[in-house]
């Protein structure tokens, strides 16, 4: 009888652990606070993030509008601490993004990747500066993923019970790039260092006057 009670207790504990562990796998451990992600401004630990590529399927009604070429500071917030790094990607037409194939798969030359290997700061909140491409788009998507180092019970890319990636958390913001492109810093520097047309006219006039004076002095010497 004691053995039966002991086995029952073990089964009960295992069942409770499984129940407690189930929802944990689907909870958000990182939130993209700016631009506002598809889950909205109330992103929390319980927000969906385990199903790639965006955690939430389909474009939302939350459209973040910027200008082509604009530079912004993406704000992220880690809700549960994990040893990890982050990757930021941008797709100008849709939400197709390749997953990293291993923890050390860090390559900014990958398709759509803007920044990769972003260090997980000690503070829960951190910012990352990114620059959008200089072309307009209406169905563009900004993706943030967190690649964790301590969740590889099934090998990297193992699946959770609901089909999610056990090693990656996903978050996406729907973006529209509209209007005139923002001038790049190099373009601005070139414009700042160049003279306006009025100044160029004055310089040209001064050169002509100087030339005439030099000719006059040369004629005086000849006579």
Protein backbone atom coordinates (compact mmCIF):
# COMPACT_ATOMS: atom_id res chain seq x y z
CA UNK A 1 0.00 0.00 0.00
CA UNK A 2 2.81 2.38 0.89
CA UNK A 3 4.48 1.64 -2.43
CA UNK A 4 1.27 2.44 -4.28
CA UNK A 5 0.89 5.73 -2.41
CA UNK A 6 4.51 6.58 -3.14
CA UNK A 7 4.09 5.90 -6.86
CA UNK A 8 0.88 7.95 -6.87
CA UNK A 9 2.67 10.86 -5.21
CA UNK A 10 5.50 10.73 -7.74
CA UNK A 11 3.01 10.65 -10.61
CA UNK A 12 1.12 13.59 -9.14
CA UNK A 13 4.31 15.65 -8.74
CA UNK A 14 5.41 14.83 -12.30
CA UNK A 15 2.01 15.80 -13.63
CA UNK A 16 2.02 19.11 -11.78
CA UNK A 17 5.52 19.86 -13.04
CA UNK A 18 4.45 19.15 -16.61
CA UNK A 19 1.40 21.41 -16.21
CA UNK A 20 3.54 24.15 -14.72
CA UNK A 21 6.18 23.76 -17.40
CA UNK A 22 3.78 23.70 -20.36
CA UNK A 23 2.74 27.34 -20.45
CA UNK A 24 6.28 28.47 -19.63
CA UNK A 25 7.47 27.30 -23.04
CA UNK A 26 5.01 29.58 -24.82
CA UNK A 27 5.64 32.73 -22.77
CA UNK A 28 7.46 35.80 -24.07
CA UNK A 29 10.92 36.30 -22.67
CA UNK A 30 11.73 39.40 -24.73
CA UNK A 31 9.51 42.25 -25.90
CA UNK A 32 10.09 44.78 -28.66
CA UNK A 33 8.71 47.96 -27.10
CA UNK A 34 9.69 50.29 -29.96
CA UNK A 35 8.66 50.09 -32.70
CA UNK A 36 5.49 48.62 -31.23
CA UNK A 37 5.30 44.91 -31.96
CA UNK A 38 2.29 42.94 -33.15
CA UNK A 39 1.29 42.05 -29.59
CA UNK A 40 0.88 45.74 -28.78
CA UNK A 41 2.19 48.07 -26.12
CA UNK A 42 1.17 45.69 -23.33
CA UNK A 43 3.72 43.01 -24.25
CA UNK A 44 4.38 40.85 -21.21
CA UNK A 45 5.72 37.49 -20.19
CA UNK A 46 2.50 35.79 -21.30
CA UNK A 47 2.59 37.21 -24.83
CA UNK A 48 3.04 34.66 -27.67
CA UNK A 49 6.60 34.40 -29.03
CA UNK A 50 7.56 30.80 -29.69
CA UNK A 51 6.16 30.28 -33.19
CA UNK A 52 8.37 31.74 -35.93
CA UNK A 53 8.88 33.95 -37.69
CA UNK A 54 6.94 36.53 -35.65
CA UNK A 55 5.26 34.89 -32.68
CA UNK A 56 1.96 36.25 -34.03
CA UNK A 57 0.83 35.18 -37.49
CA UNK A 58 -0.31 37.75 -40.02
CA UNK A 59 0.04 41.49 -40.31
CA UNK A 60 -1.56 43.45 -37.49
CA UNK A 61 -3.37 46.78 -37.37
CA UNK A 62 -0.40 48.34 -35.58
CA UNK A 63 1.58 49.99 -38.40
CA UNK A 64 4.70 51.89 -37.44
CA UNK A 65 5.39 54.56 -40.07
CA UNK A 66 8.88 55.90 -40.73
CA UNK A 67 10.71 57.57 -43.60
CA UNK A 68 13.01 55.62 -45.91
CA UNK A 69 16.57 55.83 -44.64
CA UNK A 70 15.48 56.90 -41.16
CA UNK A 71 17.62 55.85 -38.19
CA UNK A 72 15.82 54.80 -35.02
CA UNK A 73 16.60 53.22 -31.67
CA UNK A 74 14.88 49.87 -31.31
CA UNK A 75 13.95 49.27 -27.67
CA UNK A 76 13.81 45.73 -26.34
CA UNK A 77 12.96 44.41 -22.89
CA UNK A 78 13.89 40.98 -21.55
CA UNK A 79 11.14 39.64 -19.28
CA UNK A 80 13.02 36.49 -18.17
CA UNK A 81 16.80 36.48 -18.01
CA UNK A 82 18.59 34.00 -20.31
CA UNK A 83 22.18 33.89 -21.54
CA UNK A 84 21.60 34.85 -25.16
CA UNK A 85 22.14 37.23 -28.03
CA UNK A 86 19.78 39.09 -30.35
CA UNK A 87 19.33 39.41 -34.10
CA UNK A 88 17.44 42.18 -35.93
CA UNK A 89 16.18 41.62 -39.48
CA UNK A 90 14.12 43.60 -41.98
CA UNK A 91 12.01 42.39 -44.89
CA UNK A 92 10.68 45.03 -47.28
CA UNK A 93 7.89 42.75 -48.51
CA UNK A 94 6.48 40.25 -46.05
CA UNK A 95 7.62 38.29 -43.02
CA UNK A 96 9.93 35.63 -44.42
CA UNK A 97 13.07 35.35 -42.27
CA UNK A 98 15.59 32.51 -42.02
CA UNK A 99 16.27 31.08 -38.56
CA UNK A 100 19.86 30.76 -37.37
CA UNK A 101 20.99 27.16 -37.67
CA UNK A 102 23.18 27.17 -34.55
CA UNK A 103 24.08 29.38 -31.62
CA UNK A 104 27.20 30.60 -33.42
CA UNK A 105 25.35 31.22 -36.70
CA UNK A 106 26.01 34.96 -36.55
CA UNK A 107 26.29 36.56 -39.96
CA UNK A 108 25.06 39.99 -41.02
CA UNK A 109 25.38 38.88 -44.64
CA UNK A 110 22.41 36.55 -44.18
CA UNK A 111 19.25 37.44 -46.07
CA UNK A 112 17.38 40.37 -44.45
CA UNK A 113 19.70 40.54 -41.41
CA UNK A 114 20.42 44.10 -40.26
CA UNK A 115 22.37 43.41 -37.04
CA UNK A 116 23.42 40.10 -35.54
CA UNK A 117 25.23 38.92 -32.43
CA UNK A 118 23.80 41.79 -30.35
CA UNK A 119 25.04 41.29 -26.81
CA UNK A 120 22.45 40.59 -24.12
CA UNK A 121 23.01 43.49 -21.71
CA UNK A 122 22.84 43.08 -17.96
CA UNK A 123 19.90 45.47 -17.77
CA UNK A 124 16.50 44.14 -18.76
CA UNK A 125 15.98 47.06 -21.16
CA UNK A 126 18.38 48.05 -23.91
CA UNK A 127 18.40 49.96 -27.19
CA UNK A 128 19.84 49.12 -30.59
CA UNK A 129 20.35 51.69 -33.36
CA UNK A 130 19.18 50.60 -36.80
CA UNK A 131 18.75 52.36 -40.15
CA UNK A 132 15.96 51.49 -42.57
CA UNK A 133 16.65 51.12 -46.30
CA UNK A 134 16.12 54.19 -48.47
CA UNK A 135 13.19 52.79 -50.45
CA UNK A 136 9.48 53.04 -49.70
CA UNK A 137 7.48 49.95 -48.68
CA UNK A 138 4.01 49.28 -47.30
CA UNK A 139 4.25 45.64 -46.21
CA UNK A 140 7.65 45.66 -44.53
CA UNK A 141 8.40 43.80 -41.31
CA UNK A 142 11.01 44.32 -38.61
CA UNK A 143 11.93 41.14 -36.75
CA UNK A 144 13.69 40.76 -33.39
CA UNK A 145 14.76 37.32 -32.20
CA UNK A 146 16.45 36.18 -29.02
CA UNK A 147 18.78 33.19 -29.43
CA UNK A 148 19.13 31.42 -26.09
CA UNK A 149 22.13 29.40 -24.94
CA UNK A 150 20.53 27.37 -22.14
CA UNK A 151 17.54 25.70 -23.83
CA UNK A 152 19.08 22.94 -25.92
CA UNK A 153 17.66 19.80 -24.35
CA UNK A 154 16.54 18.69 -27.83
CA UNK A 155 19.54 20.12 -29.67
CA UNK A 156 19.46 23.57 -31.23
CA UNK A 157 16.17 24.20 -32.99
CA UNK A 158 14.29 21.53 -31.02
CA UNK A 159 10.53 21.86 -30.97
CA UNK A 160 8.19 22.61 -28.10
CA UNK A 161 4.89 20.80 -27.56
CA UNK A 162 3.04 23.48 -29.57
CA UNK A 163 5.52 23.32 -32.46
CA UNK A 164 7.57 26.36 -31.50
CA UNK A 165 11.34 26.69 -31.58
CA UNK A 166 12.69 25.81 -28.14
CA UNK A 167 15.79 28.03 -28.52
CA UNK A 168 14.41 31.21 -30.11
CA UNK A 169 11.90 33.85 -29.12
CA UNK A 170 10.33 35.87 -31.94
CA UNK A 171 8.88 39.37 -32.09
CA UNK A 172 7.87 41.44 -35.13
CA UNK A 173 6.74 44.99 -35.79
CA UNK A 174 4.77 45.90 -38.89
CA UNK A 175 6.45 48.80 -40.70
CA UNK A 176 5.61 51.21 -43.53
CA UNK A 177 8.32 53.43 -45.04
CA UNK A 178 6.75 56.51 -46.64
CA UNK A 179 7.83 59.87 -48.00
CA UNK A 180 11.14 61.36 -49.06
CA UNK A 181 14.23 59.43 -47.97
CA UNK A 182 16.16 60.80 -45.03
CA UNK A 183 19.56 62.02 -46.20
CA UNK A 184 22.43 59.86 -45.07
CA UNK A 185 25.10 61.37 -42.84
CA UNK A 186 27.66 61.32 -45.66
CA UNK A 187 25.26 63.22 -47.93
CA UNK A 188 24.63 65.77 -45.17
CA UNK A 189 28.34 66.19 -44.59
CA UNK A 190 28.92 66.81 -48.29
CA UNK A 191 26.15 69.41 -48.39
CA UNK A 192 27.42 71.15 -45.25
CA UNK A 193 30.94 71.38 -46.64
CA UNK A 194 29.83 72.72 -50.03
CA UNK A 195 29.15 76.41 -50.72
CA UNK A 196 25.67 77.67 -51.72
CA UNK A 197 25.25 79.10 -55.26
CA UNK A 198 25.38 82.72 -54.00
CA UNK A 199 28.70 82.09 -52.27
CA UNK A 200 30.05 80.42 -55.40
CA UNK A 201 29.11 83.51 -57.45
CA UNK A 202 31.00 85.75 -55.03
CA UNK A 203 34.04 83.51 -55.19
CA UNK A 204 33.95 83.52 -59.00
CA UNK A 205 33.67 87.34 -59.04
CA UNK A 206 36.59 87.68 -56.66
CA UNK A 207 38.70 85.46 -58.87
CA UNK A 208 37.89 87.56 -61.94
CA UNK A 209 38.73 90.82 -60.15
CA UNK A 210 41.98 89.35 -58.88
CA UNK A 211 42.89 88.25 -62.39
CA UNK A 212 42.21 91.72 -63.80
CA UNK A 213 44.35 93.37 -61.12
CA UNK A 214 47.24 91.01 -61.80
CA UNK A 215 47.04 91.82 -65.50
CA UNK A 216 47.03 95.55 -64.75
CA UNK A 217 50.15 95.26 -62.61
CA UNK A 218 51.92 93.28 -65.30
CA UNK A 219 51.11 96.03 -67.85
CA UNK A 220 52.52 98.71 -65.54
CA UNK A 221 55.78 96.85 -65.30
CA UNK A 222 56.00 96.50 -69.10
CA UNK A 223 55.67 100.27 -69.55
